[in-house]
């Protein structure tokens, strides 16, 4: 079953690689889903999702694409988050023309979220993926992230921090995840 998400907030991750997180919230619910992306994309998502009136002039490639598609009678119907791998969410972009839907799979979700913000279309996710990836509340103002949403550089930074603080259990988990990702990248 598909669950609709809405853009809840954006934040800087304070990591060395200038990453940001866009937090999506289950529409009518409480679950939050973090999606890592570049600061530039996060700023476009934040800015464009708050605009209710379409811009007359394009300011991003997503604007150009949506304007061009509109001229040919195509509209973006929805963005569907479909998978996560190595800290990157992937999505399907579903477009509609004359009642017929076509889709493009395996787009990176940051690009899909920019398109959703520009096209003002729904963002959807399979309930099982949301169940597996949403942020768990651990205190009044703290959340636990699923390790899958962290980028490789974030994992390396967390590993360094865990070793410095002698948190060997966390370091072991982080090392295992880094090793798993390295093994998955190597051809058999």
C-alpha atoms as a PDB file:
ATOM      1  CA  UNK A   1       0.000   0.000   0.000  1.00  0.00           C
ATOM      2  CA  UNK A   2       1.304   3.471  -0.876  1.00  0.00           C
ATOM      3  CA  UNK A   3       1.498   6.098   1.882  1.00  0.00           C
ATOM      4  CA  UNK A   4       1.595   9.808   1.032  1.00  0.00           C
ATOM      5  CA  UNK A   5       4.410  11.910   2.470  1.00  0.00           C
ATOM      6  CA  UNK A   6       4.789  15.668   2.730  1.00  0.00           C
ATOM      7  CA  UNK A   7       7.861  17.834   3.097  1.00  0.00           C
ATOM      8  CA  UNK A   8       8.213  18.532   6.811  1.00  0.00           C
ATOM      9  CA  UNK A   9      11.567  20.308   7.218  1.00  0.00           C
ATOM     10  CA  UNK A  10      15.137  20.636   6.010  1.00  0.00           C
ATOM     11  CA  UNK A  11      18.343  20.770   8.009  1.00  0.00           C
ATOM     12  CA  UNK A  12      22.092  20.923   7.524  1.00  0.00           C
ATOM     13  CA  UNK A  13      23.853  17.734   8.687  1.00  0.00           C
ATOM     14  CA  UNK A  14      26.999  19.605   9.781  1.00  0.00           C
ATOM     15  CA  UNK A  15      29.074  17.003   7.979  1.00  0.00           C
ATOM     16  CA  UNK A  16      32.193  17.767   5.992  1.00  0.00           C
ATOM     17  CA  UNK A  17      30.578  16.906   2.639  1.00  0.00           C
ATOM     18  CA  UNK A  18      27.991  19.744   2.716  1.00  0.00           C
ATOM     19  CA  UNK A  19      25.017  17.397   2.942  1.00  0.00           C
ATOM     20  CA  UNK A  20      21.553  18.264   4.131  1.00  0.00           C
ATOM     21  CA  UNK A  21      18.546  16.248   5.130  1.00  0.00           C
ATOM     22  CA  UNK A  22      15.006  16.784   3.942  1.00  0.00           C
ATOM     23  CA  UNK A  23      12.594  15.283   6.427  1.00  0.00           C
ATOM     24  CA  UNK A  24       9.385  13.879   4.984  1.00  0.00           C
ATOM     25  CA  UNK A  25       6.375  13.277   7.211  1.00  0.00           C
ATOM     26  CA  UNK A  26       3.634  10.737   6.778  1.00  0.00           C
ATOM     27  CA  UNK A  27       0.543  12.728   5.753  1.00  0.00           C
ATOM     28  CA  UNK A  28      -1.926  12.550   8.633  1.00  0.00           C
ATOM     29  CA  UNK A  29       0.569  10.524  10.680  1.00  0.00           C
ATOM     30  CA  UNK A  30       3.622  10.878  12.875  1.00  0.00           C
ATOM     31  CA  UNK A  31       6.388   8.934  11.124  1.00  0.00           C
ATOM     32  CA  UNK A  32       9.317  10.974   9.763  1.00  0.00           C
ATOM     33  CA  UNK A  33      11.620   9.874   6.955  1.00  0.00           C
ATOM     34  CA  UNK A  34      15.030  11.520   6.418  1.00  0.00           C
ATOM     35  CA  UNK A  35      16.391  11.826   2.866  1.00  0.00           C
ATOM     36  CA  UNK A  36      20.022  12.939   2.524  1.00  0.00           C
ATOM     37  CA  UNK A  37      20.956  15.251  -0.349  1.00  0.00           C
ATOM     38  CA  UNK A  38      23.177  18.138  -1.330  1.00  0.00           C
ATOM     39  CA  UNK A  39      22.598  21.491   0.363  1.00  0.00           C
ATOM     40  CA  UNK A  40      21.713  23.014  -3.021  1.00  0.00           C
ATOM     41  CA  UNK A  41      18.965  20.474  -3.714  1.00  0.00           C
ATOM     42  CA  UNK A  42      17.611  20.774  -0.178  1.00  0.00           C
ATOM     43  CA  UNK A  43      17.383  24.554  -0.569  1.00  0.00           C
ATOM     44  CA  UNK A  44      15.472  24.156  -3.856  1.00  0.00           C
ATOM     45  CA  UNK A  45      13.086  21.656  -2.228  1.00  0.00           C
ATOM     46  CA  UNK A  46      12.493  23.943   0.761  1.00  0.00           C
ATOM     47  CA  UNK A  47      12.030  27.047  -1.349  1.00  0.00           C
ATOM     48  CA  UNK A  48       9.869  25.522  -4.074  1.00  0.00           C
ATOM     49  CA  UNK A  49       7.644  23.447  -1.783  1.00  0.00           C
ATOM     50  CA  UNK A  50       6.580  26.620   0.036  1.00  0.00           C
ATOM     51  CA  UNK A  51       5.605  28.459  -3.179  1.00  0.00           C
ATOM     52  CA  UNK A  52       1.933  28.078  -4.015  1.00  0.00           C
ATOM     53  CA  UNK A  53       2.105  29.887  -7.363  1.00  0.00           C
ATOM     54  CA  UNK A  54       4.291  28.467 -10.144  1.00  0.00           C
ATOM     55  CA  UNK A  55       7.216  30.631 -11.212  1.00  0.00           C
ATOM     56  CA  UNK A  56       6.929  32.270 -14.613  1.00  0.00           C
ATOM     57  CA  UNK A  57      10.646  31.882 -15.331  1.00  0.00           C
ATOM     58  CA  UNK A  58      12.617  28.683 -14.722  1.00  0.00           C
ATOM     59  CA  UNK A  59      15.238  28.764 -11.961  1.00  0.00           C
ATOM     60  CA  UNK A  60      16.307  25.109 -12.027  1.00  0.00           C
ATOM     61  CA  UNK A  61      16.540  22.272 -14.526  1.00  0.00           C
ATOM     62  CA  UNK A  62      13.448  20.770 -12.862  1.00  0.00           C
ATOM     63  CA  UNK A  63      11.542  23.981 -13.714  1.00  0.00           C
ATOM     64  CA  UNK A  64      12.655  23.723 -17.341  1.00  0.00           C
ATOM     65  CA  UNK A  65      11.655  20.055 -17.493  1.00  0.00           C
ATOM     66  CA  UNK A  66       8.227  20.640 -15.949  1.00  0.00           C
ATOM     67  CA  UNK A  67       7.545  23.626 -18.215  1.00  0.00           C
ATOM     68  CA  UNK A  68       8.572  21.646 -21.286  1.00  0.00           C
ATOM     69  CA  UNK A  69       6.456  18.656 -20.271  1.00  0.00           C
ATOM     70  CA  UNK A  70       3.470  20.942 -19.675  1.00  0.00           C
ATOM     71  CA  UNK A  71       3.761  22.308 -23.228  1.00  0.00           C
ATOM     72  CA  UNK A  72       3.385  18.727 -24.494  1.00  0.00           C
ATOM     73  CA  UNK A  73       0.429  17.921 -22.225  1.00  0.00           C
ATOM     74  CA  UNK A  74       2.414  15.822 -19.748  1.00  0.00           C
ATOM     75  CA  UNK A  75       2.124  16.293 -15.997  1.00  0.00           C
ATOM     76  CA  UNK A  76       4.019  14.669 -13.153  1.00  0.00           C
ATOM     77  CA  UNK A  77       1.437  12.515 -11.372  1.00  0.00           C
ATOM     78  CA  UNK A  78       3.555  11.475  -8.373  1.00  0.00           C
ATOM     79  CA  UNK A  79       6.982  10.552  -7.069  1.00  0.00           C
ATOM     80  CA  UNK A  80       7.243   7.099  -5.458  1.00  0.00           C
ATOM     81  CA  UNK A  81      10.154   6.308  -3.124  1.00  0.00           C
ATOM     82  CA  UNK A  82      10.993   2.697  -3.979  1.00  0.00           C
ATOM     83  CA  UNK A  83      14.316   1.633  -2.428  1.00  0.00           C
ATOM     84  CA  UNK A  84      17.385   2.666  -0.458  1.00  0.00           C
ATOM     85  CA  UNK A  85      20.962   1.612  -1.129  1.00  0.00           C
ATOM     86  CA  UNK A  86      24.208   2.934   0.370  1.00  0.00           C
ATOM     87  CA  UNK A  87      22.486   5.871   2.032  1.00  0.00           C
ATOM     88  CA  UNK A  88      20.642   6.945  -1.128  1.00  0.00           C
ATOM     89  CA  UNK A  89      16.905   6.651  -1.640  1.00  0.00           C
ATOM     90  CA  UNK A  90      15.701   5.873  -5.144  1.00  0.00           C
ATOM     91  CA  UNK A  91      12.363   6.744  -6.665  1.00  0.00           C
ATOM     92  CA  UNK A  92      10.038   6.273  -9.588  1.00  0.00           C
ATOM     93  CA  UNK A  93       8.807   9.377 -11.404  1.00  0.00           C
ATOM     94  CA  UNK A  94       5.277   8.776 -12.691  1.00  0.00           C
ATOM     95  CA  UNK A  95       3.984  11.081 -15.434  1.00  0.00           C
ATOM     96  CA  UNK A  96       0.542  11.193 -17.013  1.00  0.00           C
ATOM     97  CA  UNK A  97      -0.590  12.240 -20.472  1.00  0.00           C
ATOM     98  CA  UNK A  98      -4.135  11.866 -21.790  1.00  0.00           C
ATOM     99  CA  UNK A  99      -5.008   9.475 -18.951  1.00  0.00           C
ATOM    100  CA  UNK A 100      -2.052   7.149 -19.605  1.00  0.00           C
ATOM    101  CA  UNK A 101       0.728   6.799 -17.047  1.00  0.00           C
ATOM    102  CA  UNK A 102       4.393   6.208 -17.859  1.00  0.00           C
ATOM    103  CA  UNK A 103       7.232   6.017 -15.368  1.00  0.00           C
ATOM    104  CA  UNK A 104      10.984   6.267 -15.050  1.00  0.00           C
ATOM    105  CA  UNK A 105      12.503   4.012 -12.381  1.00  0.00           C
ATOM    106  CA  UNK A 106      15.731   4.192 -10.383  1.00  0.00           C
ATOM    107  CA  UNK A 107      15.969   7.976 -10.203  1.00  0.00           C
ATOM    108  CA  UNK A 108      17.761   9.288  -7.144  1.00  0.00           C
ATOM    109  CA  UNK A 109      15.182  10.507  -4.641  1.00  0.00           C
ATOM    110  CA  UNK A 110      16.831  13.941  -4.158  1.00  0.00           C
ATOM    111  CA  UNK A 111      16.120  14.637  -7.847  1.00  0.00           C
ATOM    112  CA  UNK A 112      12.604  13.252  -7.431  1.00  0.00           C
ATOM    113  CA  UNK A 113      11.944  15.494  -4.428  1.00  0.00           C
ATOM    114  CA  UNK A 114      13.077  18.550  -6.406  1.00  0.00           C
ATOM    115  CA  UNK A 115      10.674  17.530  -9.189  1.00  0.00           C
ATOM    116  CA  UNK A 116       7.861  16.991  -6.644  1.00  0.00           C
ATOM    117  CA  UNK A 117       8.462  20.432  -5.130  1.00  0.00           C
ATOM    118  CA  UNK A 118       8.462  22.103  -8.560  1.00  0.00           C
ATOM    119  CA  UNK A 119       5.488  20.150  -9.939  1.00  0.00           C
ATOM    120  CA  UNK A 120       3.531  20.234  -6.640  1.00  0.00           C
ATOM    121  CA  UNK A 121       2.774  16.536  -6.980  1.00  0.00           C
ATOM    122  CA  UNK A 122       2.363  13.908  -4.260  1.00  0.00           C
ATOM    123  CA  UNK A 123       5.318  12.012  -2.795  1.00  0.00           C
ATOM    124  CA  UNK A 124       4.459   8.387  -2.061  1.00  0.00           C
ATOM    125  CA  UNK A 125       6.226   5.440  -0.412  1.00  0.00           C
ATOM    126  CA  UNK A 126       5.438   1.764   0.036  1.00  0.00           C
ATOM    127  CA  UNK A 127       4.322   1.184   3.613  1.00  0.00           C
ATOM    128  CA  UNK A 128       6.890  -1.599   4.123  1.00  0.00           C
ATOM    129  CA  UNK A 129       9.767   0.732   3.115  1.00  0.00           C
ATOM    130  CA  UNK A 130       8.475   3.476   5.430  1.00  0.00           C
ATOM    131  CA  UNK A 131       8.139   0.947   8.274  1.00  0.00           C
ATOM    132  CA  UNK A 132      11.768  -0.098   7.781  1.00  0.00           C
ATOM    133  CA  UNK A 133      13.316   3.366   7.364  1.00  0.00           C
ATOM    134  CA  UNK A 134      11.458   5.958   9.435  1.00  0.00           C
ATOM    135  CA  UNK A 135      13.200   7.791  12.298  1.00  0.00           C
ATOM    136  CA  UNK A 136      12.488   6.272  15.704  1.00  0.00           C
ATOM    137  CA  UNK A 137      11.880   8.785  18.506  1.00  0.00           C
ATOM    138  CA  UNK A 138      14.324   8.066  21.360  1.00  0.00           C
ATOM    139  CA  UNK A 139      13.720  11.066  23.616  1.00  0.00           C
ATOM    140  CA  UNK A 140      11.996  14.418  23.806  1.00  0.00           C
ATOM    141  CA  UNK A 141      14.182  15.960  21.100  1.00  0.00           C
ATOM    142  CA  UNK A 142      16.163  13.028  19.743  1.00  0.00           C
ATOM    143  CA  UNK A 143      15.654  10.425  17.037  1.00  0.00           C
ATOM    144  CA  UNK A 144      17.490   7.304  15.912  1.00  0.00           C
ATOM    145  CA  UNK A 145      18.176   6.993  12.193  1.00  0.00           C
ATOM    146  CA  UNK A 146      18.270   3.699  10.373  1.00  0.00           C
ATOM    147  CA  UNK A 147      21.869   3.047   9.350  1.00  0.00           C
ATOM    148  CA  UNK A 148      20.748   2.646   5.714  1.00  0.00           C
ATOM    149  CA  UNK A 149      19.998   6.381   5.373  1.00  0.00           C
ATOM    150  CA  UNK A 150      23.576   7.395   6.222  1.00  0.00           C
ATOM    151  CA  UNK A 151      26.063   8.079   3.452  1.00  0.00           C
ATOM    152  CA  UNK A 152      29.460   6.384   3.409  1.00  0.00           C
ATOM    153  CA  UNK A 153      31.204   9.571   4.593  1.00  0.00           C
ATOM    154  CA  UNK A 154      28.710   9.899   7.454  1.00  0.00           C
ATOM    155  CA  UNK A 155      29.367   6.291   8.459  1.00  0.00           C
ATOM    156  CA  UNK A 156      33.133   6.915   8.395  1.00  0.00           C
ATOM    157  CA  UNK A 157      32.707  10.061  10.504  1.00  0.00           C
ATOM    158  CA  UNK A 158      30.481   8.188  12.976  1.00  0.00           C
ATOM    159  CA  UNK A 159      33.027   5.347  13.160  1.00  0.00           C
ATOM    160  CA  UNK A 160      35.823   7.793  13.973  1.00  0.00           C
ATOM    161  CA  UNK A 161      33.651   9.419  16.660  1.00  0.00           C
ATOM    162  CA  UNK A 162      32.679   6.014  18.150  1.00  0.00           C
ATOM    163  CA  UNK A 163      36.338   4.937  18.385  1.00  0.00           C
ATOM    164  CA  UNK A 164      37.365   8.271  19.957  1.00  0.00           C
ATOM    165  CA  UNK A 165      34.624   7.813  22.571  1.00  0.00           C
ATOM    166  CA  UNK A 166      35.529   4.146  23.120  1.00  0.00           C
ATOM    167  CA  UNK A 167      32.053   3.028  22.039  1.00  0.00           C
ATOM    168  CA  UNK A 168      33.314  -0.236  20.569  1.00  0.00           C
ATOM    169  CA  UNK A 169      29.876  -1.796  20.092  1.00  0.00           C
ATOM    170  CA  UNK A 170      28.751   1.092  17.871  1.00  0.00           C
ATOM    171  CA  UNK A 171      32.139   1.064  16.109  1.00  0.00           C
ATOM    172  CA  UNK A 172      31.695  -2.639  15.358  1.00  0.00           C
ATOM    173  CA  UNK A 173      28.251  -2.060  13.800  1.00  0.00           C
ATOM    174  CA  UNK A 174      29.563   0.844  11.739  1.00  0.00           C
ATOM    175  CA  UNK A 175      32.596  -1.154  10.538  1.00  0.00           C
ATOM    176  CA  UNK A 176      30.287  -4.024   9.564  1.00  0.00           C
ATOM    177  CA  UNK A 177      28.053  -1.696   7.543  1.00  0.00           C
ATOM    178  CA  UNK A 178      31.039  -0.126   5.775  1.00  0.00           C
ATOM    179  CA  UNK A 179      32.436  -3.587   4.977  1.00  0.00           C
ATOM    180  CA  UNK A 180      29.039  -4.730   3.680  1.00  0.00           C
ATOM    181  CA  UNK A 181      28.794  -1.720   1.371  1.00  0.00           C
ATOM    182  CA  UNK A 182      32.350  -2.262   0.111  1.00  0.00           C
ATOM    183  CA  UNK A 183      31.631  -5.944  -0.577  1.00  0.00           C
ATOM    184  CA  UNK A 184      28.394  -5.088  -2.447  1.00  0.00           C
ATOM    185  CA  UNK A 185      30.286  -2.698  -4.762  1.00  0.00           C
ATOM    186  CA  UNK A 186      32.945  -5.251  -5.770  1.00  0.00           C
ATOM    187  CA  UNK A 187      32.078  -7.362  -8.830  1.00  0.00           C
ATOM    188  CA  UNK A 188      31.928 -11.096  -8.237  1.00  0.00           C
END
